[in-house]
Structures are given as structure tokens and as C-alpha cells.
PDB file of N, CA and C in Angstrom:
ATOM      1  N   MET A   1      36.589 -92.900 -65.449  1.00  0.00           N
ATOM      2  CA  MET A   1      35.922 -93.762 -66.082  1.00  0.00           C
ATOM      3  C   MET A   1      35.351 -94.878 -64.873  1.00  0.00           C
ATOM      4  N   GLY A   2      36.914 -95.955 -64.715  1.00  0.00           N
ATOM      5  CA  GLY A   2      36.617 -96.509 -64.002  1.00  0.00           C
ATOM      6  C   GLY A   2      37.272 -98.257 -64.201  1.00  0.00           C
ATOM      7  N   VAL A   3      37.456 -99.249 -63.758  1.00  0.00           N
ATOM      8  CA  VAL A   3      36.748-100.330 -63.745  1.00  0.00           C
ATOM      9  C   VAL A   3      35.932-101.015 -63.281  1.00  0.00           C
ATOM     10  N   PHE A   4      35.594-101.757 -64.619  1.00  0.00           N
ATOM     11  CA  PHE A   4      33.971-102.203 -64.404  1.00  0.00           C
ATOM     12  C   PHE A   4      34.391-104.199 -64.512  1.00  0.00           C
ATOM     13  N   VAL A   5      33.552-104.620 -64.220  1.00  0.00           N
ATOM     14  CA  VAL A   5      33.297-105.818 -63.790  1.00  0.00           C
ATOM     15  C   VAL A   5      31.886-106.564 -64.269  1.00  0.00           C
ATOM     16  N   SER A   6      31.702-107.397 -65.133  1.00  0.00           N
ATOM     17  CA  SER A   6      30.685-108.257 -65.962  1.00  0.00           C
ATOM     18  C   SER A   6      30.289-109.252 -65.399  1.00  0.00           C
ATOM     19  N   VAL A   7      28.969-109.280 -64.309  1.00  0.00           N
ATOM     20  CA  VAL A   7      28.815-110.338 -63.876  1.00  0.00           C
ATOM     21  C   VAL A   7      27.631-110.780 -64.196  1.00  0.00           C
ATOM     22  N   ARG A   8      27.318-112.186 -64.585  1.00  0.00           N
ATOM     23  CA  ARG A   8      25.955-113.100 -64.516  1.00  0.00           C
ATOM     24  C   ARG A   8      26.105-114.187 -64.330  1.00  0.00           C
ATOM     25  N   GLY A   9      24.599-114.609 -63.654  1.00  0.00           N
ATOM     26  CA  GLY A   9      24.852-115.992 -63.077  1.00  0.00           C
ATOM     27  C   GLY A   9      23.430-116.107 -62.361  1.00  0.00           C
ATOM     28  N   TRP A  10      22.876-116.909 -61.738  1.00  0.00           N
ATOM     29  CA  TRP A  10      21.887-117.455 -61.241  1.00  0.00           C
ATOM     30  C   TRP A  10      22.086-118.561 -60.302  1.00  0.00           C
ATOM     31  N   LEU A  11      20.594-118.157 -59.553  1.00  0.00           N
ATOM     32  CA  LEU A  11      20.553-119.264 -58.223  1.00  0.00           C
ATOM     33  C   LEU A  11      19.170-120.050 -58.386  1.00  0.00           C
ATOM     34  N   GLU A  12      19.261-121.043 -57.726  1.00  0.00           N
ATOM     35  CA  GLU A  12      18.213-122.129 -57.734  1.00  0.00           C
ATOM     36  C   GLU A  12      17.877-122.238 -56.114  1.00  0.00           C
ATOM     37  N   CYS A  13      16.605-122.304 -55.699  1.00  0.00           N
ATOM     38  CA  CYS A  13      16.327-122.098 -54.385  1.00  0.00           C
ATOM     39  C   CYS A  13      14.670-123.053 -54.830  1.00  0.00           C
ATOM     40  N   ASP A  14      14.149-122.788 -53.353  1.00  0.00           N
ATOM     41  CA  ASP A  14      12.673-122.799 -53.070  1.00  0.00           C
ATOM     42  C   ASP A  14      11.673-121.753 -52.835  1.00  0.00           C
ATOM     43  N   ASP A  15      10.499-122.147 -52.768  1.00  0.00           N
ATOM     44  CA  ASP A  15       9.924-120.779 -52.239  1.00  0.00           C
ATOM     45  C   ASP A  15      10.354-120.152 -51.081  1.00  0.00           C
ATOM     46  N   ARG A  16      10.222-120.794 -49.788  1.00  0.00           N
ATOM     47  CA  ARG A  16      10.905-120.304 -48.776  1.00  0.00           C
ATOM     48  C   ARG A  16      11.873-119.294 -48.946  1.00  0.00           C
ATOM     49  N   GLN A  17      13.139-119.943 -49.375  1.00  0.00           N
ATOM     50  CA  GLN A  17      13.986-119.713 -49.543  1.00  0.00           C
ATOM     51  C   GLN A  17      14.295-118.401 -50.767  1.00  0.00           C
ATOM     52  N   LEU A  18      13.661-118.296 -51.471  1.00  0.00           N
ATOM     53  CA  LEU A  18      13.400-117.204 -52.584  1.00  0.00           C
ATOM     54  C   LEU A  18      12.735-116.386 -51.977  1.00  0.00           C
ATOM     55  N   ALA A  19      11.749-116.258 -50.791  1.00  0.00           N
ATOM     56  CA  ALA A  19      11.064-114.923 -50.312  1.00  0.00           C
ATOM     57  C   ALA A  19      12.713-114.482 -49.170  1.00  0.00           C
ATOM     58  N   ALA A  20      13.465-115.653 -49.044  1.00  0.00           N
ATOM     59  CA  ALA A  20      14.740-114.972 -48.225  1.00  0.00           C
ATOM     60  C   ALA A  20      15.370-114.240 -48.899  1.00  0.00           C
ATOM     61  N   VAL A  21      15.308-114.923 -50.459  1.00  0.00           N
ATOM     62  CA  VAL A  21      16.589-114.131 -51.502  1.00  0.00           C
ATOM     63  C   VAL A  21      15.650-112.285 -51.946  1.00  0.00           C
ATOM     64  N   HIS A  22      14.663-112.720 -51.466  1.00  0.00           N
ATOM     65  CA  HIS A  22      13.679-111.241 -52.074  1.00  0.00           C
ATOM     66  C   HIS A  22      14.286-110.229 -51.206  1.00  0.00           C
ATOM     67  N   ASP A  23      14.134-110.483 -49.636  1.00  0.00           N
ATOM     68  CA  ASP A  23      14.683-109.842 -48.151  1.00  0.00           C
ATOM     69  C   ASP A  23      15.617-109.041 -48.387  1.00  0.00           C
ATOM     70  N   ILE A  24      16.814-110.497 -49.217  1.00  0.00           N
ATOM     71  CA  ILE A  24      18.588-109.848 -49.165  1.00  0.00           C
ATOM     72  C   ILE A  24      18.492-109.236 -49.882  1.00  0.00           C
ATOM     73  N   VAL A  25      18.126-109.037 -51.239  1.00  0.00           N
ATOM     74  CA  VAL A  25      17.949-108.355 -52.247  1.00  0.00           C
ATOM     75  C   VAL A  25      17.612-107.141 -51.724  1.00  0.00           C
ATOM     76  N   ARG A  26      16.122-106.957 -51.295  1.00  0.00           N
ATOM     77  CA  ARG A  26      15.659-105.567 -50.883  1.00  0.00           C
ATOM     78  C   ARG A  26      16.231-104.850 -49.781  1.00  0.00           C
ATOM     79  N   ALA A  27      17.127-105.411 -49.066  1.00  0.00           N
ATOM     80  CA  ALA A  27      17.671-104.914 -47.638  1.00  0.00           C
ATOM     81  C   ALA A  27      18.713-103.993 -48.437  1.00  0.00           C
ATOM     82  N   ALA A  28      19.500-104.792 -49.441  1.00  0.00           N
ATOM     83  CA  ALA A  28      20.737-104.107 -50.261  1.00  0.00           C
ATOM     84  C   ALA A  28      20.524-103.254 -51.049  1.00  0.00           C
ATOM     85  N   ASP A  29      19.214-102.767 -51.633  1.00  0.00           N
ATOM     86  CA  ASP A  29      18.871-102.080 -52.506  1.00  0.00           C
ATOM     87  C   ASP A  29      19.572-100.760 -52.415  1.00  0.00           C
ATOM     88  N   GLU A  30      20.340-100.115 -53.099  1.00  0.00           N
ATOM     89  CA  GLU A  30      20.637 -99.031 -53.598  1.00  0.00           C
ATOM     90  C   GLU A  30      20.471 -98.182 -54.608  1.00  0.00           C
ATOM     91  N   GLY A  31      19.415 -98.615 -54.979  1.00  0.00           N
ATOM     92  CA  GLY A  31      19.076 -97.515 -56.562  1.00  0.00           C
ATOM     93  C   GLY A  31      19.215 -97.810 -57.695  1.00  0.00           C
ATOM     94  N   PHE A  32      20.408 -98.760 -58.434  1.00  0.00           N
ATOM     95  CA  PHE A  32      20.786 -98.300 -59.089  1.00  0.00           C
ATOM     96  C   PHE A  32      21.081-100.013 -59.839  1.00  0.00           C
ATOM     97  N   TYR A  33      22.656-100.739 -58.888  1.00  0.00           N
ATOM     98  CA  TYR A  33      22.605-102.130 -59.548  1.00  0.00           C
ATOM     99  C   TYR A  33      21.736-102.889 -59.292  1.00  0.00           C
ATOM    100  N   SER A  34      21.198-102.703 -57.930  1.00  0.00           N
ATOM    101  CA  SER A  34      19.817-103.471 -57.853  1.00  0.00           C
ATOM    102  C   SER A  34      18.802-104.226 -58.511  1.00  0.00           C
ATOM    103  N   GLY A  35      19.004-103.513 -59.929  1.00  0.00           N
ATOM    104  CA  GLY A  35      18.027-103.553 -61.236  1.00  0.00           C
ATOM    105  C   GLY A  35      18.193-104.713 -61.793  1.00  0.00           C
ATOM    106  N   GLY A  36      19.711-105.270 -61.600  1.00  0.00           N
ATOM    107  CA  GLY A  36      20.191-106.450 -62.216  1.00  0.00           C
ATOM    108  C   GLY A  36      19.998-107.527 -61.865  1.00  0.00           C
ATOM    109  N   TRP A  37      19.143-107.637 -61.040  1.00  0.00           N
ATOM    110  CA  TRP A  37      18.132-108.832 -60.195  1.00  0.00           C
ATOM    111  C   TRP A  37      17.166-108.853 -60.990  1.00  0.00           C
ATOM    112  N   SER A  38      16.894-110.254 -61.230  1.00  0.00           N
ATOM    113  CA  SER A  38      15.701-110.520 -61.881  1.00  0.00           C
ATOM    114  C   SER A  38      15.045-111.756 -61.672  1.00  0.00           C
ATOM    115  N   PHE A  39      13.460-111.743 -60.918  1.00  0.00           N
ATOM    116  CA  PHE A  39      13.071-112.990 -60.651  1.00  0.00           C
ATOM    117  C   PHE A  39      11.786-112.890 -61.567  1.00  0.00           C
ATOM    118  N   PRO A  40      11.919-114.564 -62.369  1.00  0.00           N
ATOM    119  CA  PRO A  40      10.932-114.573 -62.985  1.00  0.00           C
ATOM    120  C   PRO A  40       9.700-115.647 -62.707  1.00  0.00           C
ATOM    121  N   ALA A  41       8.614-115.433 -63.268  1.00  0.00           N
ATOM    122  CA  ALA A  41       7.478-116.098 -62.793  1.00  0.00           C
ATOM    123  C   ALA A  41       8.142-117.579 -62.628  1.00  0.00           C
ATOM    124  N   PRO A  42       7.122-118.142 -61.623  1.00  0.00           N
ATOM    125  CA  PRO A  42       7.691-119.530 -61.403  1.00  0.00           C
ATOM    126  C   PRO A  42       7.111-120.798 -62.383  1.00  0.00           C
ATOM    127  N   ILE A  43       7.702-121.976 -62.707  1.00  0.00           N
ATOM    128  CA  ILE A  43       7.490-122.731 -63.275  1.00  0.00           C
ATOM    129  C   ILE A  43       7.714-124.349 -62.507  1.00  0.00           C
ATOM    130  N   ASN A  44       6.907-124.949 -62.247  1.00  0.00           N
ATOM    131  CA  ASN A  44       6.896-125.876 -61.520  1.00  0.00           C
ATOM    132  C   ASN A  44       7.569-125.862 -60.378  1.00  0.00           C
ATOM    133  N   TRP A  45       8.595-126.497 -59.722  1.00  0.00           N
ATOM    134  CA  TRP A  45       8.779-126.375 -58.537  1.00  0.00           C
ATOM    135  C   TRP A  45      10.385-125.947 -58.114  1.00  0.00           C
ATOM    136  N   THR A  46      11.277-125.552 -58.786  1.00  0.00           N
ATOM    137  CA  THR A  46      12.272-125.032 -58.715  1.00  0.00           C
ATOM    138  C   THR A  46      12.348-123.245 -59.016  1.00  0.00           C
ATOM    139  N   ARG A  47      12.370-122.453 -58.161  1.00  0.00           N
ATOM    140  CA  ARG A  47      12.647-121.266 -58.441  1.00  0.00           C
ATOM    141  C   ARG A  47      14.123-120.258 -58.355  1.00  0.00           C
ATOM    142  N   TYR A  48      13.491-119.631 -59.553  1.00  0.00           N
ATOM    143  CA  TYR A  48      15.239-118.811 -59.984  1.00  0.00           C
ATOM    144  C   TYR A  48      15.435-117.352 -59.894  1.00  0.00           C
ATOM    145  N   ALA A  49      16.654-117.172 -59.441  1.00  0.00           N
ATOM    146  CA  ALA A  49      16.878-115.778 -59.457  1.00  0.00           C
ATOM    147  C   ALA A  49      17.900-115.176 -60.339  1.00  0.00           C
ATOM    148  N   PHE A  50      18.099-114.329 -61.261  1.00  0.00           N
ATOM    149  CA  PHE A  50      19.164-114.185 -61.994  1.00  0.00           C
ATOM    150  C   PHE A  50      19.803-112.504 -61.786  1.00  0.00           C
ATOM    151  N   PHE A  51      20.936-112.441 -62.031  1.00  0.00           N
ATOM    152  CA  PHE A  51      21.609-111.559 -61.908  1.00  0.00           C
ATOM    153  C   PHE A  51      22.506-111.023 -63.014  1.00  0.00           C
ATOM    154  N   GLY A  52      22.447-109.865 -63.629  1.00  0.00           N
ATOM    155  CA  GLY A  52      23.356-109.914 -64.634  1.00  0.00           C
ATOM    156  C   GLY A  52      23.508-107.958 -64.901  1.00  0.00           C
ATOM    157  N   ALA A  53      24.972-107.548 -64.802  1.00  0.00           N
ATOM    158  CA  ALA A  53      24.983-105.797 -64.774  1.00  0.00           C
ATOM    159  C   ALA A  53      26.585-105.943 -64.968  1.00  0.00           C
ATOM    160  N   ASP A  54      26.954-104.685 -65.442  1.00  0.00           N
ATOM    161  CA  ASP A  54      28.524-104.352 -65.392  1.00  0.00           C
ATOM    162  C   ASP A  54      28.370-103.338 -64.277  1.00  0.00           C
ATOM    163  N   LEU A  55      29.183-103.521 -63.299  1.00  0.00           N
ATOM    164  CA  LEU A  55      29.527-103.073 -62.048  1.00  0.00           C
ATOM    165  C   LEU A  55      30.682-102.374 -61.958  1.00  0.00           C
ATOM    166  N   ARG A  56      31.010-101.268 -61.637  1.00  0.00           N
ATOM    167  CA  ARG A  56      32.154-101.005 -61.170  1.00  0.00           C
ATOM    168  C   ARG A  56      32.998-101.255 -59.993  1.00  0.00           C
ATOM    169  N   ALA A  57      33.987-102.231 -60.143  1.00  0.00           N
ATOM    170  CA  ALA A  57      34.776-102.770 -59.640  1.00  0.00           C
ATOM    171  C   ALA A  57      34.889-102.383 -57.948  1.00  0.00           C
ATOM    172  N   ALA A  58      34.657-101.441 -57.530  1.00  0.00           N
ATOM    173  CA  ALA A  58      34.444-100.923 -56.172  1.00  0.00           C
ATOM    174  C   ALA A  58      32.773-101.293 -55.401  1.00  0.00           C
ATOM    175  N   GLU A  59      32.010-102.104 -56.658  1.00  0.00           N
ATOM    176  CA  GLU A  59      30.747-102.037 -55.889  1.00  0.00           C
ATOM    177  C   GLU A  59      30.442-103.484 -55.712  1.00  0.00           C
ATOM    178  N   ILE A  60      31.530-104.937 -56.395  1.00  0.00           N
ATOM    179  CA  ILE A  60      31.785-106.042 -56.203  1.00  0.00           C
ATOM    180  C   ILE A  60      31.670-106.710 -54.678  1.00  0.00           C
ATOM    181  N   PRO A  61      31.915-105.912 -53.735  1.00  0.00           N
ATOM    182  CA  PRO A  61      31.904-105.806 -52.166  1.00  0.00           C
ATOM    183  C   PRO A  61      30.126-106.113 -51.888  1.00  0.00           C
ATOM    184  N   TRP A  62      29.485-105.037 -52.383  1.00  0.00           N
ATOM    185  CA  TRP A  62      28.125-105.104 -52.110  1.00  0.00           C
ATOM    186  C   TRP A  62      27.458-106.191 -52.896  1.00  0.00           C
ATOM    187  N   LEU A  63      28.154-107.013 -53.942  1.00  0.00           N
ATOM    188  CA  LEU A  63      27.107-108.150 -54.608  1.00  0.00           C
ATOM    189  C   LEU A  63      27.471-109.635 -53.757  1.00  0.00           C
ATOM    190  N   LEU A  64      28.814-109.403 -53.894  1.00  0.00           N
ATOM    191  CA  LEU A  64      29.234-110.479 -52.698  1.00  0.00           C
ATOM    192  C   LEU A  64      28.748-110.733 -51.259  1.00  0.00           C
ATOM    193  N   ASP A  65      28.680-109.683 -50.929  1.00  0.00           N
ATOM    194  CA  ASP A  65      27.882-109.080 -49.460  1.00  0.00           C
ATOM    195  C   ASP A  65      26.852-110.127 -49.549  1.00  0.00           C
ATOM    196  N   GLN A  66      25.885-109.709 -50.856  1.00  0.00           N
ATOM    197  CA  GLN A  66      24.659-110.533 -50.698  1.00  0.00           C
ATOM    198  C   GLN A  66      24.337-111.822 -51.173  1.00  0.00           C
ATOM    199  N   LEU A  67      25.821-112.561 -52.109  1.00  0.00           N
ATOM    200  CA  LEU A  67      25.860-113.780 -52.632  1.00  0.00           C
ATOM    201  C   LEU A  67      25.805-114.601 -51.062  1.00  0.00           C
ATOM    202  N   ARG A  68      26.680-113.925 -50.136  1.00  0.00           N
ATOM    203  CA  ARG A  68      27.067-114.515 -48.926  1.00  0.00           C
ATOM    204  C   ARG A  68      26.090-114.804 -48.126  1.00  0.00           C
ATOM    205  N   GLN A  69      25.182-113.952 -48.019  1.00  0.00           N
ATOM    206  CA  GLN A  69      23.748-114.368 -47.260  1.00  0.00           C
ATOM    207  C   GLN A  69      23.247-115.080 -47.657  1.00  0.00           C
ATOM    208  N   ILE A  70      22.896-115.343 -48.951  1.00  0.00           N
ATOM    209  CA  ILE A  70      22.029-116.096 -49.600  1.00  0.00           C
ATOM    210  C   ILE A  70      22.454-117.400 -49.489  1.00  0.00           C
ATOM    211  N   ALA A  71      23.704-117.705 -49.781  1.00  0.00           N
ATOM    212  CA  ALA A  71      24.560-118.839 -49.601  1.00  0.00           C
ATOM    213  C   ALA A  71      24.113-119.506 -48.397  1.00  0.00           C
ATOM    214  N   GLU A  72      24.481-118.700 -47.071  1.00  0.00           N
ATOM    215  CA  GLU A  72      24.162-119.343 -45.754  1.00  0.00           C
ATOM    216  C   GLU A  72      22.748-119.655 -45.204  1.00  0.00           C
ATOM    217  N   LEU A  73      21.623-118.969 -46.214  1.00  0.00           N
ATOM    218  CA  LEU A  73      20.593-119.748 -45.936  1.00  0.00           C
ATOM    219  C   LEU A  73      20.221-121.309 -45.654  1.00  0.00           C
ATOM    220  N   PRO A  74      19.438-121.344 -44.908  1.00  0.00           N
ATOM    221  CA  PRO A  74      19.273-122.966 -44.194  1.00  0.00           C
ATOM    222  C   PRO A  74      18.345-123.453 -45.286  1.00  0.00           C
ATOM    223  N   ALA A  75      18.525-124.864 -45.215  1.00  0.00           N
ATOM    224  CA  ALA A  75      17.406-125.718 -46.353  1.00  0.00           C
ATOM    225  C   ALA A  75      15.976-125.001 -45.456  1.00  0.00           C
ATOM    226  N   SER A  76      14.792-125.443 -46.227  1.00  0.00           N
ATOM    227  CA  SER A  76      13.710-124.977 -45.516  1.00  0.00           C
ATOM    228  C   SER A  76      12.607-126.317 -45.563  1.00  0.00           C
ATOM    229  N   ASP A  77      12.957-127.068 -46.028  1.00  0.00           N
ATOM    230  CA  ASP A  77      12.543-128.367 -46.118  1.00  0.00           C
ATOM    231  C   ASP A  77      13.338-129.964 -45.547  1.00  0.00           C
ATOM    232  N   ALA A  78      12.480-131.139 -45.149  1.00  0.00           N
ATOM    233  CA  ALA A  78      13.491-132.350 -45.293  1.00  0.00           C
ATOM    234  C   ALA A  78      14.314-132.697 -45.971  1.00  0.00           C
ATOM    235  N   ASP A  79      14.178-132.245 -47.377  1.00  0.00           N
ATOM    236  CA  ASP A  79      14.822-132.870 -48.434  1.00  0.00           C
ATOM    237  C   ASP A  79      16.527-132.347 -48.117  1.00  0.00           C
ATOM    238  N   GLY A  80      16.934-131.355 -47.263  1.00  0.00           N
ATOM    239  CA  GLY A  80      18.030-130.358 -46.613  1.00  0.00           C
ATOM    240  C   GLY A  80      18.290-129.931 -48.063  1.00  0.00           C
ATOM    241  N   ASP A  81      17.969-129.188 -48.906  1.00  0.00           N
ATOM    242  CA  ASP A  81      18.548-128.593 -50.342  1.00  0.00           C
ATOM    243  C   ASP A  81      19.051-127.141 -50.019  1.00  0.00           C
ATOM    244  N   ARG A  82      19.875-126.750 -50.306  1.00  0.00           N
ATOM    245  CA  ARG A  82      20.286-125.294 -50.012  1.00  0.00           C
ATOM    246  C   ARG A  82      20.322-124.486 -51.161  1.00  0.00           C
ATOM    247  N   VAL A  83      20.726-123.290 -50.984  1.00  0.00           N
ATOM    248  CA  VAL A  83      20.597-122.730 -52.477  1.00  0.00           C
ATOM    249  C   VAL A  83      21.984-122.970 -53.098  1.00  0.00           C
ATOM    250  N   THR A  84      21.585-122.753 -54.238  1.00  0.00           N
ATOM    251  CA  THR A  84      22.756-123.361 -55.230  1.00  0.00           C
ATOM    252  C   THR A  84      22.625-121.716 -56.283  1.00  0.00           C
ATOM    253  N   GLY A  85      24.051-122.005 -56.934  1.00  0.00           N
ATOM    254  CA  GLY A  85      24.023-121.178 -57.890  1.00  0.00           C
ATOM    255  C   GLY A  85      25.712-121.135 -58.763  1.00  0.00           C
ATOM    256  N   PHE A  86      25.710-119.727 -59.464  1.00  0.00           N
ATOM    257  CA  PHE A  86      26.598-119.987 -60.379  1.00  0.00           C
ATOM    258  C   PHE A  86      26.339-118.680 -60.880  1.00  0.00           C
ATOM    259  N   PHE A  87      27.728-118.102 -60.718  1.00  0.00           N
ATOM    260  CA  PHE A  87      27.945-116.712 -61.367  1.00  0.00           C
ATOM    261  C   PHE A  87      29.494-116.386 -62.042  1.00  0.00           C
ATOM    262  N   LEU A  88      29.470-115.838 -63.126  1.00  0.00           N
ATOM    263  CA  LEU A  88      30.733-115.628 -63.853  1.00  0.00           C
ATOM    264  C   LEU A  88      30.695-113.944 -63.755  1.00  0.00           C
ATOM    265  N   ALA A  89      31.985-113.223 -63.347  1.00  0.00           N
ATOM    266  CA  ALA A  89      32.545-112.227 -63.159  1.00  0.00           C
ATOM    267  C   ALA A  89      33.601-112.093 -63.849  1.00  0.00           C
ATOM    268  N   THR A  90      33.757-111.363 -65.069  1.00  0.00           N
ATOM    269  CA  THR A  90      34.840-110.818 -66.180  1.00  0.00           C
ATOM    270  C   THR A  90      35.169-109.290 -65.608  1.00  0.00           C
ATOM    271  N   HIS A  91      36.328-109.617 -64.951  1.00  0.00           N
ATOM    272  CA  HIS A  91      36.900-108.378 -64.342  1.00  0.00           C
ATOM    273  C   HIS A  91      37.841-107.590 -65.743  1.00  0.00           C
ATOM    274  N   GLU A  92      37.794-106.189 -65.915  1.00  0.00           N
ATOM    275  CA  GLU A  92      38.329-106.065 -67.290  1.00  0.00           C
ATOM    276  C   GLU A  92      39.988-105.834 -67.081  1.00  0.00           C
ATOM    277  N   VAL A  93      40.543-106.226 -66.067  1.00  0.00           N
ATOM    278  CA  VAL A  93      41.854-106.048 -65.642  1.00  0.00           C
ATOM    279  C   VAL A  93      42.334-107.389 -65.291  1.00  0.00           C
ATOM    280  N   GLU A  94      42.123-108.287 -64.361  1.00  0.00           N
ATOM    281  CA  GLU A  94      42.128-109.218 -63.654  1.00  0.00           C
ATOM    282  C   GLU A  94      41.425-110.681 -64.435  1.00  0.00           C
ATOM    283  N   GLY A  95      40.856-110.417 -65.102  1.00  0.00           N
ATOM    284  CA  GLY A  95      40.243-111.312 -65.947  1.00  0.00           C
ATOM    285  C   GLY A  95      39.249-112.346 -65.147  1.00  0.00           C
ATOM    286  N   ALA A  96      38.439-113.344 -65.278  1.00  0.00           N
ATOM    287  CA  ALA A  96      37.137-113.969 -65.305  1.00  0.00           C
ATOM    288  C   ALA A  96      37.162-114.632 -64.187  1.00  0.00           C
ATOM    289  N   SER A  97      36.811-114.696 -62.980  1.00  0.00           N
ATOM    290  CA  SER A  97      36.164-115.484 -61.897  1.00  0.00           C
ATOM    291  C   SER A  97      34.900-116.507 -61.858  1.00  0.00           C
ATOM    292  N   GLN A  98      34.653-117.273 -61.393  1.00  0.00           N
ATOM    293  CA  GLN A  98      33.396-118.169 -61.340  1.00  0.00           C
ATOM    294  C   GLN A  98      33.318-117.956 -59.950  1.00  0.00           C
ATOM    295  N   TRP A  99      32.142-117.869 -59.887  1.00  0.00           N
ATOM    296  CA  TRP A  99      31.215-117.657 -57.855  1.00  0.00           C
ATOM    297  C   TRP A  99      30.171-119.096 -57.799  1.00  0.00           C
ATOM    298  N   GLN A 100      30.625-119.847 -57.422  1.00  0.00           N
ATOM    299  CA  GLN A 100      29.569-121.107 -56.891  1.00  0.00           C
ATOM    300  C   GLN A 100      29.014-120.881 -55.372  1.00  0.00           C
ATOM    301  N   ILE A 101      27.866-120.809 -55.504  1.00  0.00           N
ATOM    302  CA  ILE A 101      26.782-120.887 -54.215  1.00  0.00           C
ATOM    303  C   ILE A 101      26.531-122.324 -53.880  1.00  0.00           C
ATOM    304  N   ARG A 102      27.114-122.880 -53.468  1.00  0.00           N
ATOM    305  CA  ARG A 102      26.566-124.116 -53.044  1.00  0.00           C
ATOM    306  C   ARG A 102      27.109-124.199 -50.907  1.00  0.00           C
ATOM    307  N   ASP A 103      26.599-125.910 -50.475  1.00  0.00           N
ATOM    308  CA  ASP A 103      26.925-126.263 -49.209  1.00  0.00           C
ATOM    309  C   ASP A 103      27.197-124.962 -48.299  1.00  0.00           C
ATOM    310  N   GLY A 104      26.379-124.047 -48.786  1.00  0.00           N
ATOM    311  CA  GLY A 104      26.103-123.040 -47.696  1.00  0.00           C
ATOM    312  C   GLY A 104      27.231-121.893 -47.462  1.00  0.00           C
ATOM    313  N   ASP A 105      28.223-121.958 -48.422  1.00  0.00           N
ATOM    314  CA  ASP A 105      28.633-121.037 -48.815  1.00  0.00           C
ATOM    315  C   ASP A 105      29.094-120.069 -50.458  1.00  0.00           C
ATOM    316  N   LEU A 106      29.866-119.287 -50.188  1.00  0.00           N
ATOM    317  CA  LEU A 106      30.108-118.690 -51.560  1.00  0.00           C
ATOM    318  C   LEU A 106      32.266-119.162 -51.920  1.00  0.00           C
ATOM    319  N   HIS A 107      32.073-119.685 -53.132  1.00  0.00           N
ATOM    320  CA  HIS A 107      33.493-120.304 -53.097  1.00  0.00           C
ATOM    321  C   HIS A 107      33.855-119.584 -54.300  1.00  0.00           C
ATOM    322  N   SER A 108      34.595-118.928 -54.944  1.00  0.00           N
ATOM    323  CA  SER A 108      35.240-118.093 -55.640  1.00  0.00           C
ATOM    324  C   SER A 108      37.048-118.882 -56.468  1.00  0.00           C
ATOM    325  N   THR A 109      36.945-118.856 -57.718  1.00  0.00           N
ATOM    326  CA  THR A 109      37.828-119.552 -58.330  1.00  0.00           C
ATOM    327  C   THR A 109      38.098-118.946 -59.624  1.00  0.00           C
ATOM    328  N   PRO A 110      39.347-118.800 -60.051  1.00  0.00           N
ATOM    329  CA  PRO A 110      39.223-118.447 -61.886  1.00  0.00           C
ATOM    330  C   PRO A 110      38.459-119.175 -62.579  1.00  0.00           C
ATOM    331  N   ALA A 111      38.223-118.426 -63.485  1.00  0.00           N
ATOM    332  CA  ALA A 111      37.276-119.529 -64.613  1.00  0.00           C
ATOM    333  C   ALA A 111      37.972-120.340 -65.165  1.00  0.00           C
ATOM    334  N   PRO A 112      37.770-121.353 -65.488  1.00  0.00           N
ATOM    335  CA  PRO A 112      38.421-121.901 -66.553  1.00  0.00           C
ATOM    336  C   PRO A 112      38.382-121.969 -67.962  1.00  0.00           C
ATOM    337  N   GLU A 113      39.458-122.402 -68.402  1.00  0.00           N
ATOM    338  CA  GLU A 113      39.464-122.177 -70.163  1.00  0.00           C
ATOM    339  C   GLU A 113      38.069-122.484 -70.739  1.00  0.00           C
ATOM    340  N   THR A 114      37.386-123.330 -70.359  1.00  0.00           N
ATOM    341  CA  THR A 114      35.792-123.768 -70.844  1.00  0.00           C
ATOM    342  C   THR A 114      35.368-122.514 -70.926  1.00  0.00           C
ATOM    343  N   LEU A 115      35.488-121.652 -70.181  1.00  0.00           N
ATOM    344  CA  LEU A 115      33.911-120.410 -70.045  1.00  0.00           C
ATOM    345  C   LEU A 115      34.737-118.816 -71.190  1.00  0.00           C
ATOM    346  N   ARG A 116      36.387-119.312 -71.239  1.00  0.00           N
ATOM    347  CA  ARG A 116      36.847-118.306 -72.121  1.00  0.00           C
ATOM    348  C   ARG A 116      35.831-117.678 -73.139  1.00  0.00           C
ATOM    349  N   TYR A 117      34.967-118.523 -73.952  1.00  0.00           N
ATOM    350  CA  TYR A 117      34.205-117.617 -74.425  1.00  0.00           C
ATOM    351  C   TYR A 117      33.211-116.726 -74.007  1.00  0.00           C
ATOM    352  N   LEU A 118      32.760-116.702 -72.736  1.00  0.00           N
ATOM    353  CA  LEU A 118      32.021-115.653 -72.471  1.00  0.00           C
ATOM    354  C   LEU A 118      32.766-114.863 -71.817  1.00  0.00           C
ATOM    355  N   ASP A 119      34.498-114.486 -72.061  1.00  0.00           N
ATOM    356  CA  ASP A 119      34.535-113.625 -71.570  1.00  0.00           C
ATOM    357  C   ASP A 119      34.605-112.064 -73.258  1.00  0.00           C
ATOM    358  N   LEU A 120      33.639-110.785 -72.238  1.00  0.00           N
ATOM    359  CA  LEU A 120      33.657-109.602 -72.560  1.00  0.00           C
ATOM    360  C   LEU A 120      34.993-109.046 -73.456  1.00  0.00           C
TER     361      LEU A 120
END
């Protein structure tokens, strides 16, 4: 059956960055796990993209590659705001990690105890 990783999280960005996020996700569409992405209707000024799925552990590099590309997106206006986000990845064997999208990069660290209640 394989080992699975439960991934759930979100991105925060502006209109132009969201268009680029859509392009990155579309380019990586493999027809199954891509269905974990969700783009709600815009409300006010911040745009959000969500991902939630139980992936085979072997597919995690596929998602991390997308998240790294998204993290590298430049600011699109004078404010200098880059894409930010947070994901919790719970590996069936290795435990939970948190992935932070900030400062133009993806930062992965073990999840703190305060997030253990979310472990499945």
C-alpha cells in the first residue's frame, strides 16, 4: 500500500502572484494529486490558495518543487510583499513537519508540539 503523508496548508499572495501560482500548479498537473489545490473566490485584497491531500511519500518532491517555485515568485508591487504560506505535513513513519513559505524560500522544520493535535 505504501507510506502516506497528509499535507494541508495555504498560501497568501496578491492578484499577480496568484496568476503565477495558477501557472505553476497547471504546469505540474499530473491528473490526480493536483486536485488537492483549491482557489477560493476573492474577498477583499489578499488572495489565498489551499492544498490538502494524503499523498504517497514518493510524491512529496512533486509538491515541494511547486512550493519552492511559488516561494521564489517576486513581489509584484512597491509594497515588496512576497508570497507567504504555511503547510503541515504529517508523515506516517517520520512524524510531522512544518513548511513555511517566506522570504523567497521554503523552510522545512519538525512541527512543534503545539501542532501535535493536528497529527492524524
